[in-house]
Protein backbone atom coordinates (compact mmCIF):
# COMPACT_ATOMS: atom_id res chain seq x y z
CA MET A 1 209.45 248.92 75.64
CA LYS A 2 210.39 250.51 72.35
CA ASN A 3 210.81 254.00 73.82
CA TYR A 4 214.57 253.83 74.19
CA ASN A 5 214.90 257.45 73.07
CA VAL A 6 212.84 258.52 76.09
CA PHE A 7 215.09 256.53 78.45
CA SER A 8 218.14 258.07 76.80
CA THR A 9 216.70 261.55 77.31
CA ILE A 10 215.95 260.77 80.97
CA CYS A 11 219.54 259.61 81.51
CA LEU A 12 220.87 262.78 79.89
CA GLY A 13 218.52 264.88 82.05
CA ALA A 14 219.65 263.11 85.22
CA PHE A 15 223.27 263.82 84.27
CA ILE A 16 222.52 267.50 83.66
CA ILE A 17 220.73 267.83 87.01
CA LEU A 18 223.55 266.16 88.95
CA PHE A 19 226.18 268.16 87.08
CA SER A 20 224.44 271.46 87.79
CA LEU A 21 224.03 270.55 91.47
CA ILE A 22 227.74 269.80 91.81
CA ILE A 23 228.72 272.96 89.92
CA ASN A 24 226.51 275.06 92.26
CA GLY A 25 228.23 273.61 95.32
CA VAL A 26 225.54 271.33 96.72
CA SER A 27 227.12 268.93 99.21
CA PHE A 28 226.17 265.29 98.91
CA GLY A 29 227.99 264.39 102.11
CA SER A 30 228.94 260.74 102.22
CA LEU A 31 227.07 260.11 98.95
CA GLY A 32 229.53 262.22 96.94
CA LYS A 33 231.33 259.28 95.37
CA ILE A 34 228.03 257.66 94.42
CA ALA A 35 226.95 260.91 92.76
CA ILE A 36 230.21 261.10 90.79
CA ILE A 37 229.95 257.47 89.69
CA SER A 38 226.32 257.93 88.66
CA MET A 39 227.33 261.03 86.69
CA PHE A 40 229.66 258.76 84.73
CA LEU A 41 227.14 255.91 84.33
CA PHE A 42 224.08 257.95 83.27
CA PRO A 43 225.58 259.16 79.96
CA LEU A 44 226.99 255.69 79.30
CA LEU A 45 223.58 254.12 79.85
CA GLY A 46 221.97 256.91 77.79
CA ALA A 47 224.28 256.19 74.85
CA VAL A 48 223.40 252.48 75.02
CA PHE A 49 219.68 253.28 75.08
CA GLY A 50 220.21 255.74 72.23
CA MET A 51 221.81 253.03 70.09
CA LYS A 52 218.73 250.84 70.59
CA GLY A 53 216.33 253.70 69.80
CA LYS A 54 214.30 254.33 66.68
CA LYS A 55 216.00 255.55 63.54
CA GLY A 56 216.21 259.24 62.81
CA ILE A 57 217.97 262.44 63.70
CA GLY A 58 216.78 262.30 67.31
CA LYS A 59 218.58 258.99 67.84
CA TRP A 60 221.89 260.36 66.63
CA LEU A 61 221.45 263.63 68.49
CA LEU A 62 220.91 261.77 71.77
CA ILE A 63 223.90 259.51 71.12
CA ILE A 64 226.16 262.49 70.40
CA LEU A 65 224.94 264.43 73.45
CA ASN A 66 225.40 261.44 75.76
CA ILE A 67 228.89 260.74 74.41
CA LEU A 68 229.80 264.43 74.86
CA ALA A 69 228.53 264.25 78.46
CA LEU A 70 230.57 261.09 79.03
CA ILE A 71 233.71 262.71 77.62
CA THR A 72 233.12 265.84 79.70
CA ILE A 73 232.76 264.03 83.01
CA GLY A 74 235.66 261.71 82.18
CA TYR A 75 237.89 264.70 81.45
CA LEU A 76 236.84 266.45 84.64
CA LEU A 77 237.51 263.30 86.68
CA LEU A 78 240.98 263.03 85.19
CA LEU A 79 241.67 266.69 85.93
CA SER A 80 240.55 266.40 89.53
CA GLY A 81 242.53 263.25 90.21
CA MET A 82 239.48 261.14 91.03
CA GLY A 83 240.41 258.80 88.19
CA GLU A 84 243.60 257.80 90.02
CA ALA A 85 242.15 257.32 93.49
């Protein structure tokens, strides 16, 4: 299991898919909070996998993209008030 860069890419892809579904107005019903929490956890997990990945530019690119995704969803949660609830 040395393919941590692949797992990091999968986590980033899952975040992008969930983010685009929410932006397009897809209703998750009662699973909405789980979707929001998973949108916060996928980039966090992707950054951890990226840190364990092989050396190179791809490793640092995945770390930066996952951290940017984490900052983005954290900022949007703070703006919407979900961070206080």
